[in-house]
C-alpha atoms as a PDB file:
ATOM      1  CA  UNK A   1     -18.222   9.240   2.616  1.00  0.00           C
ATOM      2  CA  UNK A   2     -19.235  11.800  -0.005  1.00  0.00           C
ATOM      3  CA  UNK A   3     -16.396  11.340  -2.444  1.00  0.00           C
ATOM      4  CA  UNK A   4     -15.377   9.380  -5.450  1.00  0.00           C
ATOM      5  CA  UNK A   5     -13.549   6.007  -5.420  1.00  0.00           C
ATOM      6  CA  UNK A   6     -11.719   4.504  -8.316  1.00  0.00           C
ATOM      7  CA  UNK A   7     -10.220   1.146  -8.913  1.00  0.00           C
ATOM      8  CA  UNK A   8      -7.593   0.086 -11.548  1.00  0.00           C
ATOM      9  CA  UNK A   9      -6.964  -3.601 -12.216  1.00  0.00           C
ATOM     10  CA  UNK A  10      -4.323  -4.300 -14.852  1.00  0.00           C
ATOM     11  CA  UNK A  11      -4.535  -7.557 -16.842  1.00  0.00           C
ATOM     12  CA  UNK A  12      -3.786 -10.491 -14.663  1.00  0.00           C
ATOM     13  CA  UNK A  13      -4.526 -14.287 -14.449  1.00  0.00           C
ATOM     14  CA  UNK A  14      -7.143 -14.261 -11.705  1.00  0.00           C
ATOM     15  CA  UNK A  15     -10.515 -15.475 -13.118  1.00  0.00           C
ATOM     16  CA  UNK A  16     -13.523 -13.099 -13.235  1.00  0.00           C
ATOM     17  CA  UNK A  17     -11.379  -9.990 -12.509  1.00  0.00           C
ATOM     18  CA  UNK A  18     -14.233  -7.534 -13.511  1.00  0.00           C
ATOM     19  CA  UNK A  19     -16.711  -9.260 -11.195  1.00  0.00           C
ATOM     20  CA  UNK A  20     -14.255  -9.246  -8.297  1.00  0.00           C
ATOM     21  CA  UNK A  21     -13.590  -5.441  -8.965  1.00  0.00           C
ATOM     22  CA  UNK A  22     -17.361  -4.843  -8.884  1.00  0.00           C
ATOM     23  CA  UNK A  23     -17.570  -6.760  -5.540  1.00  0.00           C
ATOM     24  CA  UNK A  24     -14.754  -4.655  -4.076  1.00  0.00           C
ATOM     25  CA  UNK A  25     -16.599  -1.456  -5.096  1.00  0.00           C
ATOM     26  CA  UNK A  26     -19.813  -2.757  -3.698  1.00  0.00           C
ATOM     27  CA  UNK A  27     -18.094  -3.223  -0.372  1.00  0.00           C
ATOM     28  CA  UNK A  28     -17.154   0.417  -0.364  1.00  0.00           C
ATOM     29  CA  UNK A  29     -20.752   1.383  -1.016  1.00  0.00           C
ATOM     30  CA  UNK A  30     -21.922  -0.795   1.807  1.00  0.00           C
ATOM     31  CA  UNK A  31     -19.277   0.815   4.071  1.00  0.00           C
ATOM     32  CA  UNK A  32     -20.760   4.234   3.182  1.00  0.00           C
ATOM     33  CA  UNK A  33     -24.382   3.011   3.939  1.00  0.00           C
ATOM     34  CA  UNK A  34     -23.221   1.851   7.467  1.00  0.00           C
ATOM     35  CA  UNK A  35     -21.047   4.782   8.472  1.00  0.00           C
ATOM     36  CA  UNK A  36     -22.669   7.976   6.933  1.00  0.00           C
ATOM     37  CA  UNK A  37     -23.467  10.526   9.608  1.00  0.00           C
ATOM     38  CA  UNK A  38     -25.888  12.149   7.244  1.00  0.00           C
ATOM     39  CA  UNK A  39     -28.152   9.085   6.726  1.00  0.00           C
ATOM     40  CA  UNK A  40     -30.423   8.633   9.748  1.00  0.00           C
ATOM     41  CA  UNK A  41     -30.814   4.902   8.793  1.00  0.00           C
ATOM     42  CA  UNK A  42     -27.106   4.242   8.954  1.00  0.00           C
ATOM     43  CA  UNK A  43     -25.442   2.217  11.772  1.00  0.00           C
ATOM     44  CA  UNK A  44     -23.483   5.217  12.718  1.00  0.00           C
ATOM     45  CA  UNK A  45     -26.614   7.332  13.301  1.00  0.00           C
ATOM     46  CA  UNK A  46     -28.140   4.428  15.339  1.00  0.00           C
ATOM     47  CA  UNK A  47     -25.037   4.422  17.575  1.00  0.00           C
ATOM     48  CA  UNK A  48     -25.330   8.003  18.215  1.00  0.00           C
ATOM     49  CA  UNK A  49     -29.071   7.750  19.120  1.00  0.00           C
ATOM     50  CA  UNK A  50     -28.961   4.478  21.075  1.00  0.00           C
ATOM     51  CA  UNK A  51     -25.497   3.663  22.505  1.00  0.00           C
ATOM     52  CA  UNK A  52     -25.920   5.982  25.498  1.00  0.00           C
ATOM     53  CA  UNK A  53     -28.840   3.820  26.633  1.00  0.00           C
ATOM     54  CA  UNK A  54     -27.559   0.355  25.817  1.00  0.00           C
ATOM     55  CA  UNK A  55     -24.629  -1.379  24.048  1.00  0.00           C
ATOM     56  CA  UNK A  56     -24.906  -1.606  20.363  1.00  0.00           C
ATOM     57  CA  UNK A  57     -23.560  -4.720  18.549  1.00  0.00           C
ATOM     58  CA  UNK A  58     -20.989  -4.122  15.797  1.00  0.00           C
ATOM     59  CA  UNK A  59     -19.724  -6.299  13.042  1.00  0.00           C
ATOM     60  CA  UNK A  60     -16.116  -7.419  13.413  1.00  0.00           C
ATOM     61  CA  UNK A  61     -14.806  -4.811  10.845  1.00  0.00           C
ATOM     62  CA  UNK A  62     -16.649  -1.777  12.330  1.00  0.00           C
ATOM     63  CA  UNK A  63     -15.448  -2.800  15.878  1.00  0.00           C
ATOM     64  CA  UNK A  64     -11.914  -2.753  14.568  1.00  0.00           C
ATOM     65  CA  UNK A  65     -12.432   0.654  13.129  1.00  0.00           C
ATOM     66  CA  UNK A  66     -13.441   1.977  16.516  1.00  0.00           C
ATOM     67  CA  UNK A  67     -10.641   0.139  18.224  1.00  0.00           C
ATOM     68  CA  UNK A  68      -8.026   1.760  15.738  1.00  0.00           C
ATOM     69  CA  UNK A  69      -9.698   5.157  16.188  1.00  0.00           C
ATOM     70  CA  UNK A  70      -9.328   4.978  19.992  1.00  0.00           C
ATOM     71  CA  UNK A  71      -5.767   3.686  19.752  1.00  0.00           C
ATOM     72  CA  UNK A  72      -4.685   6.644  17.555  1.00  0.00           C
ATOM     73  CA  UNK A  73      -6.550   9.080  19.886  1.00  0.00           C
ATOM     74  CA  UNK A  74      -4.551   7.769  22.824  1.00  0.00           C
ATOM     75  CA  UNK A  75      -1.234   7.472  21.079  1.00  0.00           C
ATOM     76  CA  UNK A  76      -1.568  11.082  19.643  1.00  0.00           C
ATOM     77  CA  UNK A  77      -2.594  12.569  22.967  1.00  0.00           C
ATOM     78  CA  UNK A  78      -5.921  13.664  21.432  1.00  0.00           C
ATOM     79  CA  UNK A  79      -4.814  14.939  18.000  1.00  0.00           C
ATOM     80  CA  UNK A  80      -7.151  12.541  16.418  1.00  0.00           C
ATOM     81  CA  UNK A  81     -10.818  12.702  17.528  1.00  0.00           C
ATOM     82  CA  UNK A  82     -14.058  11.335  16.050  1.00  0.00           C
ATOM     83  CA  UNK A  83     -16.015  13.585  18.109  1.00  0.00           C
ATOM     84  CA  UNK A  84     -14.646  17.056  17.065  1.00  0.00           C
ATOM     85  CA  UNK A  85     -15.428  19.541  18.421  1.00  0.00           C
ATOM     86  CA  UNK A  86     -16.986  17.705  21.342  1.00  0.00           C
ATOM     87  CA  UNK A  87     -13.799  16.258  22.925  1.00  0.00           C
ATOM     88  CA  UNK A  88     -15.727  13.187  23.849  1.00  0.00           C
ATOM     89  CA  UNK A  89     -13.635  10.183  22.846  1.00  0.00           C
ATOM     90  CA  UNK A  90     -13.443   9.045  26.563  1.00  0.00           C
ATOM     91  CA  UNK A  91     -17.126   8.456  26.136  1.00  0.00           C
ATOM     92  CA  UNK A  92     -16.530   5.551  23.634  1.00  0.00           C
ATOM     93  CA  UNK A  93     -16.577   2.237  25.600  1.00  0.00           C
ATOM     94  CA  UNK A  94     -15.827  -0.906  23.594  1.00  0.00           C
ATOM     95  CA  UNK A  95     -16.444  -4.438  24.889  1.00  0.00           C
ATOM     96  CA  UNK A  96     -14.121  -6.884  22.925  1.00  0.00           C
ATOM     97  CA  UNK A  97     -15.955  -9.935  24.269  1.00  0.00           C
ATOM     98  CA  UNK A  98     -19.334  -8.917  22.858  1.00  0.00           C
ATOM     99  CA  UNK A  99     -18.279  -6.567  20.034  1.00  0.00           C
ATOM    100  CA  UNK A 100     -20.373  -3.912  21.306  1.00  0.00           C
ATOM    101  CA  UNK A 101     -19.968  -0.095  21.683  1.00  0.00           C
ATOM    102  CA  UNK A 102     -21.546   2.147  24.361  1.00  0.00           C
ATOM    103  CA  UNK A 103     -21.454   5.866  24.856  1.00  0.00           C
ATOM    104  CA  UNK A 104     -20.919   6.906  28.474  1.00  0.00           C
ATOM    105  CA  UNK A 105     -23.166   9.917  28.162  1.00  0.00           C
ATOM    106  CA  UNK A 106     -25.747  11.231  25.768  1.00  0.00           C
ATOM    107  CA  UNK A 107     -25.116  13.930  23.181  1.00  0.00           C
ATOM    108  CA  UNK A 108     -21.890  12.495  21.842  1.00  0.00           C
ATOM    109  CA  UNK A 109     -21.807  13.087  18.030  1.00  0.00           C
ATOM    110  CA  UNK A 110     -19.479  10.835  15.832  1.00  0.00           C
ATOM    111  CA  UNK A 111     -17.806  11.895  12.517  1.00  0.00           C
ATOM    112  CA  UNK A 112     -15.863   9.231  10.694  1.00  0.00           C
ATOM    113  CA  UNK A 113     -14.630  11.494   7.961  1.00  0.00           C
ATOM    114  CA  UNK A 114     -11.077  11.143   9.186  1.00  0.00           C
ATOM    115  CA  UNK A 115     -10.895   7.384   9.015  1.00  0.00           C
ATOM    116  CA  UNK A 116     -13.938   5.973   6.904  1.00  0.00           C
ATOM    117  CA  UNK A 117     -12.303   6.325   3.529  1.00  0.00           C
ATOM    118  CA  UNK A 118      -9.271   4.338   4.408  1.00  0.00           C
ATOM    119  CA  UNK A 119     -11.504   1.687   6.172  1.00  0.00           C
ATOM    120  CA  UNK A 120     -13.558   1.251   2.913  1.00  0.00           C
ATOM    121  CA  UNK A 121     -10.362   0.886   1.015  1.00  0.00           C
ATOM    122  CA  UNK A 122      -9.084  -1.749   3.421  1.00  0.00           C
ATOM    123  CA  UNK A 123     -12.361  -3.743   2.917  1.00  0.00           C
ATOM    124  CA  UNK A 124     -12.248  -3.494  -0.735  1.00  0.00           C
ATOM    125  CA  UNK A 125      -8.477  -4.573  -1.002  1.00  0.00           C
ATOM    126  CA  UNK A 126      -9.436  -7.562   1.191  1.00  0.00           C
ATOM    127  CA  UNK A 127     -12.043  -8.631  -1.310  1.00  0.00           C
ATOM    128  CA  UNK A 128      -9.543  -8.303  -4.014  1.00  0.00           C
ATOM    129  CA  UNK A 129      -6.966 -10.490  -2.182  1.00  0.00           C
ATOM    130  CA  UNK A 130      -9.435 -13.081  -1.239  1.00  0.00           C
ATOM    131  CA  UNK A 131     -10.283 -13.652  -4.859  1.00  0.00           C
ATOM    132  CA  UNK A 132      -6.721 -13.935  -6.062  1.00  0.00           C
ATOM    133  CA  UNK A 133      -6.131 -10.400  -7.446  1.00  0.00           C
ATOM    134  CA  UNK A 134      -2.540  -9.574  -6.732  1.00  0.00           C
ATOM    135  CA  UNK A 135      -2.211  -6.045  -8.257  1.00  0.00           C
ATOM    136  CA  UNK A 136      -4.482  -3.180  -8.414  1.00  0.00           C
ATOM    137  CA  UNK A 137      -4.873   0.334  -7.349  1.00  0.00           C
ATOM    138  CA  UNK A 138      -7.751   1.872  -5.298  1.00  0.00           C
ATOM    139  CA  UNK A 139      -8.226   5.479  -4.360  1.00  0.00           C
ATOM    140  CA  UNK A 140     -10.750   7.534  -2.574  1.00  0.00           C
ATOM    141  CA  UNK A 141     -11.122  11.217  -2.779  1.00  0.00           C
ATOM    142  CA  UNK A 142      -7.590  11.570  -4.196  1.00  0.00           C
ATOM    143  CA  UNK A 143      -6.336  11.600  -0.552  1.00  0.00           C
ATOM    144  CA  UNK A 144      -6.342   7.905   0.460  1.00  0.00           C
ATOM    145  CA  UNK A 145      -5.098   5.051  -1.668  1.00  0.00           C
ATOM    146  CA  UNK A 146      -3.960   1.460  -1.589  1.00  0.00           C
ATOM    147  CA  UNK A 147      -1.484  -0.086  -4.032  1.00  0.00           C
ATOM    148  CA  UNK A 148      -1.640  -3.926  -4.324  1.00  0.00           C
ATOM    149  CA  UNK A 149       1.554  -5.352  -6.004  1.00  0.00           C
ATOM    150  CA  UNK A 150       2.785  -3.409  -8.950  1.00  0.00           C
ATOM    151  CA  UNK A 151       1.740  -2.633 -12.496  1.00  0.00           C
ATOM    152  CA  UNK A 152       3.455  -4.882 -15.150  1.00  0.00           C
ATOM    153  CA  UNK A 153       7.139  -3.794 -15.381  1.00  0.00           C
ATOM    154  CA  UNK A 154       6.948  -1.502 -12.379  1.00  0.00           C
ATOM    155  CA  UNK A 155       8.264  -1.542  -8.849  1.00  0.00           C
ATOM    156  CA  UNK A 156       4.963  -0.363  -7.517  1.00  0.00           C
ATOM    157  CA  UNK A 157       2.218   2.316  -7.997  1.00  0.00           C
ATOM    158  CA  UNK A 158       3.613   5.868  -8.246  1.00  0.00           C
ATOM    159  CA  UNK A 159       1.467   8.444  -6.867  1.00  0.00           C
ATOM    160  CA  UNK A 160       2.175  12.118  -7.538  1.00  0.00           C
ATOM    161  CA  UNK A 161       1.296  14.374  -4.549  1.00  0.00           C
ATOM    162  CA  UNK A 162      -0.357  17.789  -4.747  1.00  0.00           C
ATOM    163  CA  UNK A 163       2.243  20.282  -3.626  1.00  0.00           C
ATOM    164  CA  UNK A 164       5.188  18.272  -4.931  1.00  0.00           C
ATOM    165  CA  UNK A 165       6.732  14.909  -4.558  1.00  0.00           C
ATOM    166  CA  UNK A 166       5.682  11.364  -5.061  1.00  0.00           C
ATOM    167  CA  UNK A 167       5.121   8.095  -3.212  1.00  0.00           C
ATOM    168  CA  UNK A 168       5.676   4.535  -4.479  1.00  0.00           C
ATOM    169  CA  UNK A 169       3.042   2.052  -3.172  1.00  0.00           C
ATOM    170  CA  UNK A 170       3.668  -1.655  -3.221  1.00  0.00           C
ATOM    171  CA  UNK A 171       1.212  -3.642  -1.092  1.00  0.00           C
ATOM    172  CA  UNK A 172       0.824  -0.484   1.098  1.00  0.00           C
ATOM    173  CA  UNK A 173      -1.546   2.344   1.775  1.00  0.00           C
ATOM    174  CA  UNK A 174      -1.276   6.109   1.479  1.00  0.00           C
ATOM    175  CA  UNK A 175      -3.114   9.013   3.259  1.00  0.00           C
ATOM    176  CA  UNK A 176      -2.613  12.682   2.688  1.00  0.00           C
ATOM    177  CA  UNK A 177      -4.184  15.428   4.863  1.00  0.00           C
ATOM    178  CA  UNK A 178      -3.571  19.128   4.218  1.00  0.00           C
ATOM    179  CA  UNK A 179      -4.693  22.564   5.068  1.00  0.00           C
ATOM    180  CA  UNK A 180      -3.778  25.613   3.037  1.00  0.00           C
ATOM    181  CA  UNK A 181      -4.428  29.418   3.218  1.00  0.00           C
ATOM    182  CA  UNK A 182      -7.921  30.402   2.812  1.00  0.00           C
ATOM    183  CA  UNK A 183      -9.248  26.800   3.117  1.00  0.00           C
ATOM    184  CA  UNK A 184     -13.060  27.058   3.446  1.00  0.00           C
ATOM    185  CA  UNK A 185     -13.264  23.925   5.431  1.00  0.00           C
ATOM    186  CA  UNK A 186     -10.553  24.099   8.181  1.00  0.00           C
ATOM    187  CA  UNK A 187      -9.225  21.190  10.180  1.00  0.00           C
ATOM    188  CA  UNK A 188      -9.729  21.840  13.814  1.00  0.00           C
ATOM    189  CA  UNK A 189      -7.275  20.755  16.526  1.00  0.00           C
ATOM    190  CA  UNK A 190      -9.456  18.604  18.720  1.00  0.00           C
ATOM    191  CA  UNK A 191      -7.599  19.692  21.797  1.00  0.00           C
ATOM    192  CA  UNK A 192      -8.217  23.356  21.513  1.00  0.00           C
ATOM    193  CA  UNK A 193     -10.950  23.790  18.780  1.00  0.00           C
ATOM    194  CA  UNK A 194      -8.606  26.243  16.951  1.00  0.00           C
ATOM    195  CA  UNK A 195      -8.084  25.751  13.211  1.00  0.00           C
ATOM    196  CA  UNK A 196      -4.881  24.195  12.207  1.00  0.00           C
ATOM    197  CA  UNK A 197      -2.690  26.841  10.511  1.00  0.00           C
ATOM    198  CA  UNK A 198      -1.659  26.362   6.902  1.00  0.00           C
ATOM    199  CA  UNK A 199      -0.204  25.614   4.558  1.00  0.00           C
ATOM    200  CA  UNK A 200       0.692  22.255   5.972  1.00  0.00           C
ATOM    201  CA  UNK A 201       0.662  18.694   4.605  1.00  0.00           C
ATOM    202  CA  UNK A 202       0.973  15.385   6.279  1.00  0.00           C
ATOM    203  CA  UNK A 203       1.782  12.220   4.207  1.00  0.00           C
ATOM    204  CA  UNK A 204       1.561   8.789   5.757  1.00  0.00           C
ATOM    205  CA  UNK A 205       2.147   5.361   4.229  1.00  0.00           C
ATOM    206  CA  UNK A 206       1.873   1.925   5.982  1.00  0.00           C
ATOM    207  CA  UNK A 207       0.034  -1.323   5.920  1.00  0.00           C
ATOM    208  CA  UNK A 208      -3.600  -0.043   6.616  1.00  0.00           C
ATOM    209  CA  UNK A 209      -5.446   2.605   4.875  1.00  0.00           C
ATOM    210  CA  UNK A 210      -7.691   3.337   7.713  1.00  0.00           C
ATOM    211  CA  UNK A 211      -4.766   3.731  10.149  1.00  0.00           C
ATOM    212  CA  UNK A 212      -3.042   5.885   7.499  1.00  0.00           C
ATOM    213  CA  UNK A 213      -6.075   8.203   7.323  1.00  0.00           C
ATOM    214  CA  UNK A 214      -6.144   8.512  11.176  1.00  0.00           C
ATOM    215  CA  UNK A 215      -2.431   9.082  11.495  1.00  0.00           C
ATOM    216  CA  UNK A 216      -2.247  11.665   8.693  1.00  0.00           C
ATOM    217  CA  UNK A 217      -4.982  13.628  10.491  1.00  0.00           C
ATOM    218  CA  UNK A 218      -3.147  13.419  13.743  1.00  0.00           C
ATOM    219  CA  UNK A 219       0.193  14.311  12.162  1.00  0.00           C
ATOM    220  CA  UNK A 220      -1.426  17.306  10.472  1.00  0.00           C
ATOM    221  CA  UNK A 221      -2.748  18.498  13.754  1.00  0.00           C
ATOM    222  CA  UNK A 222       0.561  17.980  15.564  1.00  0.00           C
ATOM    223  CA  UNK A 223       2.580  19.530  12.875  1.00  0.00           C
ATOM    224  CA  UNK A 224       5.183  16.714  13.115  1.00  0.00           C
ATOM    225  CA  UNK A 225       5.372  12.953  12.942  1.00  0.00           C
ATOM    226  CA  UNK A 226       3.655  11.413  15.944  1.00  0.00           C
ATOM    227  CA  UNK A 227       5.997  10.146  18.531  1.00  0.00           C
ATOM    228  CA  UNK A 228       6.339   6.331  18.649  1.00  0.00           C
ATOM    229  CA  UNK A 229       4.958   5.634  15.152  1.00  0.00           C
ATOM    230  CA  UNK A 230       7.701   3.561  13.437  1.00  0.00           C
ATOM    231  CA  UNK A 231       8.309   0.149  11.922  1.00  0.00           C
ATOM    232  CA  UNK A 232       6.315  -0.219   8.657  1.00  0.00           C
ATOM    233  CA  UNK A 233       5.005   3.461   8.924  1.00  0.00           C
ATOM    234  CA  UNK A 234       6.385   6.481   7.059  1.00  0.00           C
ATOM    235  CA  UNK A 235       5.205  10.005   8.037  1.00  0.00           C
ATOM    236  CA  UNK A 236       6.353  13.368   6.596  1.00  0.00           C
ATOM    237  CA  UNK A 237       4.884  16.719   7.578  1.00  0.00           C
ATOM    238  CA  UNK A 238       5.707  19.753   5.560  1.00  0.00           C
END
């Protein structure tokens, strides 16, 4: 995922907290090994090479990642796309009965940069919860985060946002996507291939970091909160 992840665990009664924290960070490292598009030995690279010829079996978590990616692509009318600039999301074929993925045609390239950080954070947070850790803060690349519980004496984890404002996280996730004038790495609108104009910032909070990542990218491209996204989700675009 090519970025720095950090974990904060305040004093708490769960036994072996340090070891649990190390296990959570190891889960993120394993996620990077599976999903890196730069590593020819990764699962993602194997999918790109092989899935046009035969179904590729996925673990349950990776299958869920692709399910979420396809769902956001459909609900955002293509504003989120793992295949930019190829516009080939329709080539991703998932089989829920066998947990496999196929590519309907060869030459499809996949880039999980818009969702993988959040996916790794969700996996790490699950490790913490499974071992009784009730409060902690995990962030990846300063743009994706999960706040478990709250620090002692606080209502939640307060995150200051670049460009102004802050967000309070309590058992919730955050993702921020932004473009600015002169950005050397522009975000492309998958539907047109044109760079998204800046400055623009999308901030999404909700129950899943990987979905927050995907929806913040979609909202940034759309320039407004996606239609139909409500309930536990909060989206602001400025």
